[in-house]
Amino acid sequence: MSEATRHGTSTYRVTVRGRFHELDERARGYLQRHRAEHDIFLSGFTPEGTLTYDDRLDFFNLRYQVRLEGDDVSPRRAVEVAEAEAGAFLGTLRLGYRNLRSDVMDLRAITEQRRPRL
């Protein structure tokens, strides 16, 4: 049995939501130029995260697929990982933000719901 199997492995989908804050002209221009690439219908849950935002450049979503292994496998830990990634991503692009909140889904719950009842 592998180390991950003994201690647990889980995959979570985490949506981090927030609001842009104090965007300068450079940031607004960047977001407006790249709006088509960040359409909600093109987004998915990925390890790198997928950014979508509204036309007013007010609200945004980042979607992450977080895989955890070891002793600290929990929805709370998945949210911590995703929010840290979101902060790093937004910081790299120099996009100000506020009011982060997250929703998390354990993919095991989806699998268990689909199993046939015997």
N, C-alpha and C. Protein backbone atom coordinates (compact mmCIF):
# COMPACT_ATOMS: atom_id res chain seq x y z
N MET A 1 0.85 -1.18 0.00
CA MET A 1 0.00 0.00 0.00
C MET A 1 0.89 1.24 0.00
N SER A 2 0.59 2.18 -0.85
CA SER A 2 1.43 3.38 -0.95
C SER A 2 1.22 4.29 0.25
N GLU A 3 2.18 5.19 0.46
CA GLU A 3 2.10 6.16 1.56
C GLU A 3 0.84 7.01 1.44
N ALA A 4 0.51 7.44 0.21
CA ALA A 4 -0.68 8.28 0.01
C ALA A 4 -1.95 7.51 0.34
N THR A 5 -2.00 6.22 0.00
CA THR A 5 -3.19 5.43 0.28
C THR A 5 -3.36 5.24 1.77
N ARG A 6 -2.28 4.98 2.47
CA ARG A 6 -2.36 4.79 3.92
C ARG A 6 -2.86 6.04 4.63
N HIS A 7 -2.37 7.18 4.25
CA HIS A 7 -2.71 8.42 4.94
C HIS A 7 -3.87 9.16 4.30
N GLY A 8 -4.21 8.81 3.09
CA GLY A 8 -5.34 9.46 2.44
C GLY A 8 -4.93 10.37 1.31
N THR A 9 -5.71 10.31 0.27
CA THR A 9 -5.55 11.18 -0.87
C THR A 9 -6.94 11.67 -1.24
N SER A 10 -7.06 12.93 -1.51
CA SER A 10 -8.35 13.47 -1.91
C SER A 10 -8.15 14.61 -2.88
N THR A 11 -9.12 14.74 -3.77
CA THR A 11 -9.11 15.83 -4.73
C THR A 11 -10.32 16.71 -4.46
N TYR A 12 -10.08 18.00 -4.43
CA TYR A 12 -11.12 18.99 -4.13
C TYR A 12 -11.21 19.99 -5.27
N ARG A 13 -12.40 20.49 -5.48
CA ARG A 13 -12.61 21.63 -6.36
C ARG A 13 -12.94 22.82 -5.48
N VAL A 14 -12.12 23.85 -5.61
CA VAL A 14 -12.28 25.03 -4.76
C VAL A 14 -12.51 26.25 -5.65
N THR A 15 -13.57 26.98 -5.36
CA THR A 15 -13.83 28.25 -6.04
C THR A 15 -13.53 29.37 -5.05
N VAL A 16 -12.55 30.19 -5.40
CA VAL A 16 -12.18 31.34 -4.58
C VAL A 16 -12.81 32.56 -5.23
N ARG A 17 -13.64 33.27 -4.48
CA ARG A 17 -14.31 34.46 -4.99
C ARG A 17 -13.80 35.69 -4.25
N GLY A 18 -13.82 36.80 -4.95
CA GLY A 18 -13.40 38.04 -4.32
C GLY A 18 -13.78 39.23 -5.17
N ARG A 19 -13.30 40.37 -4.72
CA ARG A 19 -13.52 41.62 -5.45
C ARG A 19 -12.17 42.24 -5.74
N PHE A 20 -12.07 42.79 -6.94
CA PHE A 20 -10.87 43.57 -7.25
C PHE A 20 -10.86 44.80 -6.37
N HIS A 21 -9.66 45.28 -6.05
CA HIS A 21 -9.54 46.43 -5.16
C HIS A 21 -8.44 47.36 -5.66
N GLU A 22 -8.82 48.62 -5.83
CA GLU A 22 -7.86 49.67 -6.21
C GLU A 22 -7.02 49.28 -7.42
N LEU A 23 -7.69 48.89 -8.49
CA LEU A 23 -6.97 48.57 -9.72
C LEU A 23 -6.46 49.85 -10.37
N ASP A 24 -5.19 49.85 -10.74
CA ASP A 24 -4.65 51.01 -11.45
C ASP A 24 -4.96 50.87 -12.94
N GLU A 25 -4.59 51.86 -13.73
CA GLU A 25 -4.89 51.85 -15.17
C GLU A 25 -4.22 50.69 -15.88
N ARG A 26 -3.00 50.34 -15.48
CA ARG A 26 -2.30 49.21 -16.08
C ARG A 26 -3.09 47.93 -15.85
N ALA A 27 -3.55 47.68 -14.63
CA ALA A 27 -4.30 46.47 -14.30
C ALA A 27 -5.64 46.44 -15.03
N ARG A 28 -6.34 47.56 -15.05
CA ARG A 28 -7.63 47.63 -15.76
C ARG A 28 -7.43 47.35 -17.25
N GLY A 29 -6.41 47.94 -17.84
CA GLY A 29 -6.13 47.71 -19.26
C GLY A 29 -5.82 46.25 -19.54
N TYR A 30 -5.00 45.65 -18.68
CA TYR A 30 -4.67 44.24 -18.85
C TYR A 30 -5.93 43.38 -18.81
N LEU A 31 -6.77 43.59 -17.80
CA LEU A 31 -7.99 42.78 -17.66
C LEU A 31 -8.94 43.00 -18.83
N GLN A 32 -9.07 44.23 -19.29
CA GLN A 32 -9.96 44.50 -20.41
C GLN A 32 -9.45 43.85 -21.70
N ARG A 33 -8.14 43.91 -21.93
CA ARG A 33 -7.56 43.30 -23.13
C ARG A 33 -7.69 41.79 -23.14
N HIS A 34 -7.68 41.16 -21.99
CA HIS A 34 -7.68 39.70 -21.89
C HIS A 34 -9.03 39.12 -21.47
N ARG A 35 -10.06 39.93 -21.51
CA ARG A 35 -11.38 39.51 -21.05
C ARG A 35 -11.87 38.23 -21.75
N ALA A 36 -11.70 38.13 -23.06
CA ALA A 36 -12.19 36.96 -23.81
C ALA A 36 -11.54 35.66 -23.32
N GLU A 37 -10.30 35.72 -22.88
CA GLU A 37 -9.60 34.53 -22.38
C GLU A 37 -10.12 34.07 -21.02
N HIS A 38 -10.86 34.94 -20.35
CA HIS A 38 -11.31 34.66 -18.99
C HIS A 38 -12.82 34.55 -18.90
N ASP A 39 -13.43 34.13 -19.98
CA ASP A 39 -14.88 33.95 -20.04
C ASP A 39 -15.28 32.76 -19.16
N ILE A 40 -16.38 32.88 -18.45
CA ILE A 40 -16.85 31.83 -17.55
C ILE A 40 -17.06 30.51 -18.29
N PHE A 41 -17.46 30.57 -19.57
CA PHE A 41 -17.73 29.35 -20.32
C PHE A 41 -16.46 28.64 -20.79
N LEU A 42 -15.31 29.28 -20.64
CA LEU A 42 -14.03 28.66 -20.99
C LEU A 42 -13.29 28.14 -19.75
N SER A 43 -13.85 28.42 -18.58
CA SER A 43 -13.13 28.12 -17.35
C SER A 43 -13.35 26.67 -16.92
N GLY A 44 -12.41 26.21 -16.13
CA GLY A 44 -12.50 24.88 -15.55
C GLY A 44 -11.70 24.85 -14.26
N PHE A 45 -11.77 23.74 -13.57
CA PHE A 45 -11.00 23.57 -12.34
C PHE A 45 -9.66 22.95 -12.72
N THR A 46 -8.58 23.69 -12.47
CA THR A 46 -7.24 23.23 -12.82
C THR A 46 -6.30 23.43 -11.64
N PRO A 47 -5.19 22.69 -11.60
CA PRO A 47 -4.21 22.91 -10.52
C PRO A 47 -3.66 24.34 -10.51
N GLU A 48 -3.55 24.97 -11.70
CA GLU A 48 -3.00 26.32 -11.79
C GLU A 48 -4.04 27.39 -11.47
N GLY A 49 -5.30 27.02 -11.56
CA GLY A 49 -6.38 27.98 -11.34
C GLY A 49 -6.84 28.61 -12.65
N THR A 50 -8.11 28.90 -12.72
CA THR A 50 -8.69 29.56 -13.89
C THR A 50 -9.40 30.82 -13.40
N LEU A 51 -9.03 31.96 -13.96
CA LEU A 51 -9.58 33.25 -13.56
C LEU A 51 -10.73 33.64 -14.47
N THR A 52 -11.85 34.05 -13.86
CA THR A 52 -12.96 34.67 -14.58
C THR A 52 -13.34 35.92 -13.82
N TYR A 53 -13.94 36.89 -14.54
CA TYR A 53 -14.35 38.12 -13.87
C TYR A 53 -15.46 38.79 -14.65
N ASP A 54 -16.15 39.70 -13.97
CA ASP A 54 -17.28 40.39 -14.60
C ASP A 54 -16.80 41.55 -15.47
N ASP A 55 -17.69 42.02 -16.32
CA ASP A 55 -17.35 43.10 -17.25
C ASP A 55 -16.99 44.40 -16.55
N ARG A 56 -17.53 44.61 -15.36
CA ARG A 56 -17.26 45.86 -14.64
C ARG A 56 -15.92 45.85 -13.92
N LEU A 57 -15.23 44.69 -13.96
CA LEU A 57 -13.96 44.52 -13.26
C LEU A 57 -14.14 44.75 -11.75
N ASP A 58 -15.21 44.18 -11.24
CA ASP A 58 -15.51 44.31 -9.82
C ASP A 58 -15.30 42.96 -9.12
N PHE A 59 -16.00 41.92 -9.56
CA PHE A 59 -15.92 40.60 -8.94
C PHE A 59 -15.11 39.63 -9.79
N PHE A 60 -14.48 38.66 -9.14
CA PHE A 60 -13.74 37.62 -9.86
C PHE A 60 -13.92 36.28 -9.17
N ASN A 61 -13.63 35.21 -9.91
CA ASN A 61 -13.59 33.84 -9.42
C ASN A 61 -12.28 33.22 -9.88
N LEU A 62 -11.70 32.41 -9.03
CA LEU A 62 -10.58 31.56 -9.41
C LEU A 62 -10.98 30.13 -9.07
N ARG A 63 -10.86 29.23 -10.03
CA ARG A 63 -11.25 27.84 -9.83
C ARG A 63 -10.00 26.97 -9.79
N TYR A 64 -9.89 26.21 -8.71
CA TYR A 64 -8.73 25.34 -8.51
C TYR A 64 -9.16 23.90 -8.30
N GLN A 65 -8.36 22.98 -8.81
CA GLN A 65 -8.48 21.58 -8.43
C GLN A 65 -7.27 21.29 -7.55
N VAL A 66 -7.52 20.95 -6.31
CA VAL A 66 -6.46 20.75 -5.32
C VAL A 66 -6.42 19.28 -4.93
N ARG A 67 -5.27 18.68 -5.10
CA ARG A 67 -5.07 17.27 -4.71
C ARG A 67 -4.19 17.27 -3.46
N LEU A 68 -4.69 16.63 -2.42
CA LEU A 68 -3.96 16.56 -1.15
C LEU A 68 -3.64 15.11 -0.82
N GLU A 69 -2.46 14.92 -0.28
CA GLU A 69 -2.03 13.59 0.16
C GLU A 69 -1.41 13.72 1.54
N GLY A 70 -1.47 12.66 2.30
CA GLY A 70 -0.82 12.63 3.59
C GLY A 70 -1.80 12.74 4.74
N ASP A 71 -1.29 13.27 5.85
CA ASP A 71 -2.08 13.34 7.08
C ASP A 71 -3.06 14.50 7.11
N ASP A 72 -2.80 15.57 6.38
CA ASP A 72 -3.63 16.77 6.46
C ASP A 72 -4.52 16.87 5.22
N VAL A 73 -5.43 15.91 5.05
CA VAL A 73 -6.35 15.88 3.92
C VAL A 73 -7.72 16.29 4.44
N SER A 74 -8.11 17.53 4.12
CA SER A 74 -9.40 18.03 4.60
C SER A 74 -9.86 19.17 3.70
N PRO A 75 -11.15 19.43 3.67
CA PRO A 75 -11.65 20.58 2.90
C PRO A 75 -11.01 21.90 3.36
N ARG A 76 -10.81 22.04 4.65
CA ARG A 76 -10.20 23.27 5.17
C ARG A 76 -8.80 23.47 4.61
N ARG A 77 -8.03 22.39 4.55
CA ARG A 77 -6.66 22.48 4.00
C ARG A 77 -6.71 22.81 2.51
N ALA A 78 -7.67 22.23 1.78
CA ALA A 78 -7.82 22.52 0.35
C ALA A 78 -8.10 24.01 0.13
N VAL A 79 -8.94 24.58 0.97
CA VAL A 79 -9.24 26.02 0.88
C VAL A 79 -7.98 26.83 1.16
N GLU A 80 -7.22 26.45 2.18
CA GLU A 80 -5.98 27.17 2.50
C GLU A 80 -5.02 27.16 1.30
N VAL A 81 -4.87 26.01 0.67
CA VAL A 81 -3.98 25.88 -0.48
C VAL A 81 -4.48 26.76 -1.63
N ALA A 82 -5.77 26.67 -1.93
CA ALA A 82 -6.33 27.45 -3.05
C ALA A 82 -6.23 28.95 -2.78
N GLU A 83 -6.54 29.38 -1.58
CA GLU A 83 -6.46 30.82 -1.28
C GLU A 83 -5.02 31.32 -1.32
N ALA A 84 -4.07 30.50 -0.91
CA ALA A 84 -2.66 30.90 -1.02
C ALA A 84 -2.26 31.02 -2.49
N GLU A 85 -2.70 30.07 -3.32
CA GLU A 85 -2.43 30.14 -4.76
C GLU A 85 -3.08 31.38 -5.37
N ALA A 86 -4.31 31.66 -4.98
CA ALA A 86 -5.01 32.84 -5.51
C ALA A 86 -4.27 34.12 -5.15
N GLY A 87 -3.85 34.23 -3.90
CA GLY A 87 -3.10 35.41 -3.48
C GLY A 87 -1.80 35.57 -4.25
N ALA A 88 -1.09 34.46 -4.46
CA ALA A 88 0.16 34.52 -5.21
C ALA A 88 -0.09 34.90 -6.67
N PHE A 89 -1.12 34.32 -7.28
CA PHE A 89 -1.45 34.61 -8.67
C PHE A 89 -1.82 36.08 -8.84
N LEU A 90 -2.74 36.56 -8.02
CA LEU A 90 -3.17 37.96 -8.12
C LEU A 90 -2.03 38.91 -7.82
N GLY A 91 -1.18 38.53 -6.87
CA GLY A 91 -0.01 39.36 -6.54
C GLY A 91 0.98 39.43 -7.69
N THR A 92 1.19 38.30 -8.36
CA THR A 92 2.10 38.27 -9.51
C THR A 92 1.62 39.23 -10.60
N LEU A 93 0.31 39.26 -10.82
CA LEU A 93 -0.26 40.16 -11.83
C LEU A 93 -0.45 41.58 -11.31
N ARG A 94 -0.14 41.79 -10.06
CA ARG A 94 -0.31 43.08 -9.38
C ARG A 94 -1.77 43.56 -9.46
N LEU A 95 -2.67 42.62 -9.16
CA LEU A 95 -4.10 42.92 -9.11
C LEU A 95 -4.52 42.98 -7.66
N GLY A 96 -4.97 44.15 -7.23
CA GLY A 96 -5.45 44.29 -5.86
C GLY A 96 -6.76 43.54 -5.68
N TYR A 97 -6.95 43.00 -4.47
CA TYR A 97 -8.18 42.24 -4.21
C TYR A 97 -8.57 42.38 -2.74
N ARG A 98 -9.82 41.99 -2.47
CA ARG A 98 -10.34 41.98 -1.10
C ARG A 98 -11.49 40.99 -1.01
N ASN A 99 -11.92 40.74 0.21
CA ASN A 99 -13.11 39.92 0.50
C ASN A 99 -13.06 38.53 -0.12
N LEU A 100 -11.95 37.82 0.05
CA LEU A 100 -11.89 36.45 -0.46
C LEU A 100 -12.80 35.55 0.37
N ARG A 101 -13.50 34.68 -0.33
CA ARG A 101 -14.27 33.62 0.31
C ARG A 101 -14.23 32.42 -0.63
N SER A 102 -14.38 31.24 -0.08
CA SER A 102 -14.20 30.04 -0.88
C SER A 102 -15.29 29.02 -0.63
N ASP A 103 -15.61 28.27 -1.68
CA ASP A 103 -16.48 27.10 -1.61
C ASP A 103 -15.65 25.90 -2.04
N VAL A 104 -15.88 24.78 -1.39
CA VAL A 104 -15.09 23.58 -1.67
C VAL A 104 -16.01 22.38 -1.86
N MET A 105 -15.62 21.51 -2.80
CA MET A 105 -16.34 20.27 -3.06
C MET A 105 -15.32 19.13 -3.06
N ASP A 106 -15.55 18.13 -2.23
CA ASP A 106 -14.71 16.94 -2.20
C ASP A 106 -15.21 16.02 -3.31
N LEU A 107 -14.36 15.70 -4.27
CA LEU A 107 -14.78 14.88 -5.41
C LEU A 107 -15.16 13.46 -5.00
N ARG A 108 -14.71 13.00 -3.84
CA ARG A 108 -15.15 11.68 -3.37
C ARG A 108 -16.65 11.68 -3.14
N ALA A 109 -17.21 12.81 -2.71
CA ALA A 109 -18.66 12.89 -2.47
C ALA A 109 -19.44 12.69 -3.76
N ILE A 110 -18.93 13.21 -4.86
CA ILE A 110 -19.59 13.03 -6.16
C ILE A 110 -19.53 11.56 -6.56
N THR A 111 -18.38 10.94 -6.41
CA THR A 111 -18.20 9.54 -6.76
C THR A 111 -19.12 8.65 -5.93
N GLU A 112 -19.21 8.92 -4.64
CA GLU A 112 -20.05 8.11 -3.77
C GLU A 112 -21.52 8.24 -4.13
N GLN A 113 -21.96 9.42 -4.58
CA GLN A 113 -23.34 9.61 -4.95
C GLN A 113 -23.69 8.84 -6.22
N ARG A 114 -22.74 8.61 -7.09
CA ARG A 114 -22.98 7.95 -8.37
C ARG A 114 -22.93 6.43 -8.27
N ARG A 115 -22.41 5.89 -7.20
CA ARG A 115 -22.30 4.43 -7.07
C ARG A 115 -23.70 3.82 -6.97
N PRO A 116 -23.92 2.75 -7.69
CA PRO A 116 -25.23 2.10 -7.62
C PRO A 116 -25.47 1.49 -6.25
N ARG A 117 -26.69 1.57 -5.80
CA ARG A 117 -27.09 0.96 -4.52
C ARG A 117 -27.43 -0.50 -4.77
N LEU A 118 -26.87 -1.37 -3.97
CA LEU A 118 -27.16 -2.81 -4.11
C LEU A 118 -28.10 -3.28 -3.02
